[in-house]
Amino acid sequence: MQKHTLQSICKEHNGLISDKWNIYLSKYEHIFFPKKQVAINLLEIGVQNGGSLEIWEKYFPNADKILGCDINSDCGKIKFDTPKVHLVIGDITNSKTLEELLSIAPSFDIIIDDGSHTSNDIVKTFCTLFPHLKSGGIFIAEDLHCSYWKNYQGGLFYKKSSISFFKALVDILNFEHWGLKYTRRQLLADFDIPDTLDESILSEIHSIEFINSMCIITRQKRELNELGKRHVVGKTELVYPVKQLDGTYSKTPPQKLKSSLFQRIKESLKIPNKAK
């Protein structure tokens, strides 16, 4: 059995209180293990009692910086024994708070949003921080079950919930196959995203994974996110003649929307009558 897993560290932890769901621990072990011995910068939004920052410092022994950010001024009472761990008090969507964080670590390998869990805040946090995620980095939004609750600005059919936002990012991941003259940002018009989350940044979304109450998004350079060339290998084709397609690229046929659907999308995406 592997020693010093995240589960074992949590089980043995007796410092500041940390609060994580069981499914998170096993998932984090899987996605964080490749970075375990790396000199990473980790940022967690919403630290509550501060215990998770202590646990991250134990799990990532070679981490450069472990940062926490919380809007609750009472978190200023929390102290840490290691210079690796930093805590900033403030609203992450406030430019001054962001500047303070970036003065400690200019970019991040891992970002965890465990903040207010309200849909508006989750979307704003992603829009604010994803541009500061390193290539190869991981962004995690926790506790998305709140996205289904009205008092967290959510609901199963609410199109502006945080879950609806992350679902829309799945379409952005497949932008090259739309066959429609819309931009990535137009698809997100309902969420009033800032200019900093531009087409270039959105094109660097590499993967999106959902598990119960969590969304995991990775970032890579644009060229690593494209479908790329077709690889056809082997010698014998008895059914379909596909060998000739080796080395070719996917060609997306132009798509048209039904007039009623097009009108709804124009209204939603704020597209002028003559779409270009």
Protein backbone atom coordinates (compact mmCIF):
# COMPACT_ATOMS: atom_id res chain seq x y z
CA MET A 1 0.00 0.00 0.00
CA GLN A 2 1.33 3.40 -0.99
CA LYS A 3 2.37 5.55 1.96
CA HIS A 4 1.48 9.21 2.40
CA THR A 5 -1.61 9.15 0.22
CA LEU A 6 -3.99 12.05 0.59
CA GLN A 7 -6.40 9.76 2.44
CA SER A 8 -3.72 8.67 4.91
CA ILE A 9 -2.56 12.25 5.46
CA CYS A 10 -6.13 13.35 6.17
CA LYS A 11 -6.69 10.41 8.50
CA GLU A 12 -3.59 11.28 10.53
CA HIS A 13 -4.14 15.05 10.45
CA ASN A 14 -4.73 16.65 13.85
CA GLY A 15 -4.06 20.32 13.17
CA LEU A 16 -6.47 22.92 11.81
CA ILE A 17 -9.85 21.56 10.72
CA SER A 18 -10.30 20.52 7.08
CA ASP A 19 -13.64 19.54 5.51
CA LYS A 20 -13.70 17.53 2.27
CA TRP A 21 -16.12 14.94 0.85
CA ASN A 22 -14.89 11.36 0.47
CA ILE A 23 -15.12 11.28 -3.33
CA TYR A 24 -12.89 14.36 -3.52
CA LEU A 25 -10.02 12.69 -1.69
CA SER A 26 -9.83 9.71 -4.04
CA LYS A 27 -10.14 11.94 -7.10
CA TYR A 28 -7.48 14.34 -5.87
CA GLU A 29 -5.10 11.47 -5.25
CA HIS A 30 -5.54 10.42 -8.87
CA ILE A 31 -5.14 13.82 -10.54
CA PHE A 32 -2.56 15.33 -8.17
CA PHE A 33 -0.18 12.38 -7.90
CA PRO A 34 1.83 13.34 -11.05
CA LYS A 35 2.53 16.73 -9.44
CA LYS A 36 3.19 15.41 -5.94
CA GLN A 37 6.98 15.88 -5.99
CA VAL A 38 6.96 19.00 -8.18
CA ALA A 39 7.65 22.56 -6.99
CA ILE A 40 4.08 23.67 -7.62
CA ASN A 41 2.11 26.77 -6.75
CA LEU A 42 -1.34 25.89 -5.38
CA LEU A 43 -4.18 28.32 -4.70
CA GLU A 44 -7.33 27.46 -2.78
CA ILE A 45 -10.27 29.87 -2.66
CA GLY A 46 -12.24 29.50 0.58
CA VAL A 47 -10.13 28.13 3.42
CA GLN A 48 -12.68 27.99 6.26
CA ASN A 49 -10.54 26.87 9.24
CA GLY A 50 -7.32 26.54 7.24
CA GLY A 51 -6.80 22.80 7.63
CA SER A 52 -6.76 22.03 3.92
CA LEU A 53 -3.76 24.33 3.44
CA GLU A 54 -1.86 22.34 6.07
CA ILE A 55 -2.83 19.13 4.30
CA TRP A 56 -1.73 20.41 0.89
CA GLU A 57 1.61 21.41 2.39
CA LYS A 58 2.05 17.84 3.65
CA TYR A 59 0.92 16.20 0.42
CA PHE A 60 3.14 18.39 -1.80
CA PRO A 61 6.45 18.34 0.12
CA ASN A 62 8.32 20.19 -2.65
CA ALA A 63 5.66 22.83 -3.25
CA ASP A 64 6.94 26.34 -3.81
CA LYS A 65 3.86 28.21 -2.59
CA ILE A 66 0.60 27.07 -0.99
CA LEU A 67 -1.83 29.98 -1.05
CA GLY A 68 -5.27 30.40 0.45
CA CYS A 69 -7.74 33.22 -0.08
CA ASP A 70 -10.86 33.91 1.95
CA ILE A 71 -13.24 36.86 2.13
CA ASN A 72 -13.91 36.24 5.83
CA SER A 73 -11.73 38.58 7.90
CA ASP A 74 -11.86 36.10 10.80
CA CYS A 75 -9.54 33.88 8.76
CA GLY A 76 -6.83 36.40 9.60
CA LYS A 77 -6.63 34.66 12.98
CA ILE A 78 -5.20 31.56 11.29
CA LYS A 79 -1.43 31.16 11.53
CA PHE A 80 0.89 28.70 9.83
CA ASP A 81 4.29 27.38 10.91
CA THR A 82 5.82 27.24 7.44
CA PRO A 83 6.77 30.12 5.11
CA LYS A 84 5.43 28.06 2.19
CA VAL A 85 1.83 28.71 3.21
CA HIS A 86 0.30 32.13 2.65
CA LEU A 87 -3.20 33.38 3.43
CA VAL A 88 -4.71 36.45 1.77
CA ILE A 89 -7.92 37.99 3.08
CA GLY A 90 -10.16 39.45 0.39
CA ASP A 91 -12.59 38.87 -2.46
CA ILE A 92 -10.85 36.97 -5.24
CA THR A 93 -12.78 38.92 -7.89
CA ASN A 94 -11.42 42.19 -6.49
CA SER A 95 -8.41 43.43 -8.46
CA LYS A 96 -6.44 44.35 -5.32
CA THR A 97 -6.88 40.86 -3.87
CA LEU A 98 -5.77 39.30 -7.14
CA GLU A 99 -2.74 41.58 -7.31
CA GLU A 100 -1.71 40.56 -3.80
CA LEU A 101 -1.96 36.87 -4.68
CA LEU A 102 -0.01 37.32 -7.91
CA SER A 103 2.71 39.18 -6.03
CA ILE A 104 3.27 35.97 -4.04
CA ALA A 105 2.92 33.55 -6.97
CA PRO A 106 2.61 34.90 -10.54
CA SER A 107 0.84 31.77 -11.82
CA PHE A 108 -0.55 28.50 -10.49
CA ASP A 109 -0.32 24.79 -11.19
CA ILE A 110 -3.46 23.97 -9.21
CA ILE A 111 -6.44 26.18 -8.39
CA ILE A 112 -9.26 24.94 -6.16
CA ASP A 113 -12.49 26.91 -5.79
CA ASP A 114 -14.08 26.04 -2.45
CA GLY A 115 -15.51 29.52 -1.89
CA SER A 116 -19.09 30.71 -1.51
CA HIS A 117 -20.52 28.04 -3.87
CA THR A 118 -22.96 30.57 -5.35
CA SER A 119 -23.19 30.36 -9.13
CA ASN A 120 -22.20 33.96 -9.81
CA ASP A 121 -19.11 33.68 -7.62
CA ILE A 122 -18.07 30.36 -9.14
CA VAL A 123 -18.28 31.74 -12.68
CA LYS A 124 -16.47 34.95 -11.71
CA THR A 125 -13.75 33.00 -9.93
CA PHE A 126 -13.11 30.82 -12.98
CA CYS A 127 -13.05 33.85 -15.29
CA THR A 128 -10.66 35.67 -12.94
CA LEU A 129 -8.23 32.84 -12.28
CA PHE A 130 -8.13 30.61 -15.37
CA PRO A 131 -5.94 33.16 -17.22
CA HIS A 132 -3.40 32.72 -14.38
CA LEU A 133 -3.37 28.92 -14.55
CA LYS A 134 -0.16 27.50 -16.02
CA SER A 135 -0.17 25.40 -19.16
CA GLY A 136 -0.66 21.86 -17.88
CA GLY A 137 -2.40 23.22 -14.80
CA ILE A 138 -5.62 22.04 -13.16
CA PHE A 139 -8.64 24.12 -12.11
CA ILE A 140 -11.18 22.50 -9.78
CA ALA A 141 -14.60 23.80 -8.75
CA GLU A 142 -15.88 22.00 -5.66
CA ASP A 143 -19.35 21.51 -4.17
CA LEU A 144 -21.28 22.00 -7.39
CA HIS A 145 -24.28 20.25 -5.86
CA CYS A 146 -25.09 23.78 -4.67
CA SER A 147 -25.66 24.63 -8.33
CA TYR A 148 -29.02 22.85 -8.09
CA TRP A 149 -30.26 24.92 -5.14
CA LYS A 150 -32.14 28.20 -5.45
CA ASN A 151 -30.46 29.83 -2.46
CA TYR A 152 -27.10 29.35 -4.22
CA GLN A 153 -28.35 30.94 -7.46
CA GLY A 154 -28.98 27.53 -8.98
CA GLY A 155 -31.64 25.11 -10.15
CA LEU A 156 -31.78 22.06 -12.40
CA PHE A 157 -33.11 24.06 -15.36
CA TYR A 158 -31.54 27.43 -14.52
CA LYS A 159 -29.43 28.41 -17.52
CA LYS A 160 -27.14 30.71 -15.50
CA SER A 161 -26.14 28.18 -12.86
CA SER A 162 -22.49 27.27 -12.42
CA ILE A 163 -23.19 23.79 -13.81
CA SER A 164 -24.72 25.37 -16.92
CA PHE A 165 -21.57 27.46 -17.32
CA PHE A 166 -19.26 24.46 -17.12
CA LYS A 167 -21.50 22.51 -19.50
CA ALA A 168 -21.08 25.36 -21.99
CA LEU A 169 -17.31 24.98 -21.71
CA VAL A 170 -17.72 21.45 -23.11
CA ASP A 171 -19.02 23.01 -26.33
CA ILE A 172 -16.11 25.46 -26.34
CA LEU A 173 -13.76 22.48 -26.10
CA ASN A 174 -15.25 21.31 -29.43
CA PHE A 175 -15.31 24.75 -31.06
CA GLU A 176 -13.64 23.61 -34.29
CA HIS A 177 -16.63 21.37 -35.07
CA TRP A 178 -19.46 23.90 -34.65
CA GLY A 179 -19.75 24.82 -38.32
CA LEU A 180 -21.37 28.09 -37.23
CA LYS A 181 -20.06 31.65 -37.34
CA TYR A 182 -20.16 32.26 -33.61
CA THR A 183 -17.29 32.95 -31.29
CA ARG A 184 -16.57 31.14 -28.06
CA ARG A 185 -17.34 34.29 -26.09
CA GLN A 186 -20.73 34.66 -27.76
CA LEU A 187 -21.68 31.24 -26.46
CA LEU A 188 -20.99 32.49 -22.93
CA ALA A 189 -22.86 35.79 -23.34
CA ASP A 190 -25.47 34.82 -20.71
CA PHE A 191 -22.73 34.80 -18.08
CA ASP A 192 -21.36 38.31 -18.73
CA ILE A 193 -17.75 37.14 -18.78
CA PRO A 194 -14.94 39.73 -18.57
CA ASP A 195 -12.72 40.70 -21.50
CA THR A 196 -9.75 38.98 -19.84
CA LEU A 197 -11.31 35.61 -20.70
CA ASP A 198 -10.80 36.15 -24.41
CA GLU A 199 -10.85 33.81 -27.41
CA SER A 200 -7.18 32.97 -26.98
CA ILE A 201 -7.59 31.95 -23.34
CA LEU A 202 -10.77 29.97 -24.05
CA SER A 203 -8.97 28.08 -26.83
CA GLU A 204 -6.56 26.73 -24.20
CA ILE A 205 -9.20 24.72 -22.36
CA HIS A 206 -7.84 21.20 -22.86
CA SER A 207 -10.16 18.91 -20.92
CA ILE A 208 -13.27 19.04 -18.76
CA GLU A 209 -14.21 16.26 -16.38
CA PHE A 210 -17.20 15.98 -14.08
CA ILE A 211 -17.65 13.82 -11.04
CA ASN A 212 -20.30 14.17 -8.35
CA SER A 213 -20.26 17.85 -7.24
CA MET A 214 -16.94 18.65 -8.92
CA CYS A 215 -15.68 19.96 -12.26
CA ILE A 216 -12.02 19.54 -13.24
CA ILE A 217 -10.61 21.65 -16.09
CA THR A 218 -7.09 21.49 -17.49
CA ARG A 219 -5.24 24.02 -19.61
CA GLN A 220 -2.85 23.41 -22.50
CA LYS A 221 -1.54 25.40 -25.45
CA ARG A 222 -4.08 25.73 -28.24
CA GLU A 223 -2.28 23.43 -30.67
CA LEU A 224 -2.52 20.58 -28.14
CA ASN A 225 -6.30 20.95 -27.99
CA GLU A 226 -7.06 20.55 -31.69
CA LEU A 227 -8.22 17.23 -33.12
CA GLY A 228 -5.19 17.06 -35.37
CA LYS A 229 -4.37 14.61 -38.14
CA ARG A 230 -6.01 11.26 -38.70
CA HIS A 231 -3.81 8.23 -38.07
CA VAL A 232 -4.72 5.16 -40.12
CA VAL A 233 -2.40 2.20 -39.51
CA GLY A 234 -2.27 -1.40 -40.69
CA LYS A 235 -2.20 -2.95 -44.19
CA THR A 236 -5.41 -4.87 -44.81
CA GLU A 237 -8.83 -3.21 -45.23
CA LEU A 238 -11.55 -5.76 -46.06
CA VAL A 239 -14.62 -3.64 -45.31
CA TYR A 240 -14.02 0.12 -45.48
CA PRO A 241 -11.34 1.85 -47.63
CA VAL A 242 -9.96 4.25 -45.05
CA LYS A 243 -6.22 3.94 -45.63
CA GLN A 244 -6.36 6.87 -48.04
CA LEU A 245 -7.52 9.09 -45.19
CA ASP A 246 -4.25 8.79 -43.31
CA GLY A 247 -2.82 12.21 -42.55
CA THR A 248 -6.01 14.11 -43.39
CA TYR A 249 -7.89 16.53 -41.15
CA SER A 250 -11.52 16.68 -40.08
CA LYS A 251 -13.67 18.91 -42.29
CA THR A 252 -16.67 20.46 -40.58
CA PRO A 253 -19.64 20.99 -42.90
CA PRO A 254 -21.39 24.38 -42.55
CA GLN A 255 -24.37 24.15 -40.23
CA LYS A 256 -27.65 26.05 -40.19
CA LEU A 257 -30.03 26.62 -37.33
CA LYS A 258 -33.81 26.45 -37.55
CA SER A 259 -35.23 29.97 -37.64
CA SER A 260 -36.93 29.69 -34.23
CA LEU A 261 -33.80 28.32 -32.61
CA PHE A 262 -31.66 30.90 -34.41
CA GLN A 263 -33.85 33.70 -33.04
CA ARG A 264 -33.53 32.40 -29.49
CA ILE A 265 -29.77 32.11 -29.85
CA LYS A 266 -29.52 35.62 -31.32
CA GLU A 267 -31.38 36.98 -28.32
CA SER A 268 -29.29 34.96 -25.89
CA LEU A 269 -25.96 35.70 -27.54
CA LYS A 270 -26.79 39.32 -28.42
CA ILE A 271 -26.07 38.69 -32.10
CA PRO A 272 -27.27 41.41 -34.55
CA ASN A 273 -29.89 40.49 -37.15
CA LYS A 274 -27.27 40.02 -39.85
CA ALA A 275 -24.93 37.45 -38.37
CA LYS A 276 -21.49 37.69 -39.89
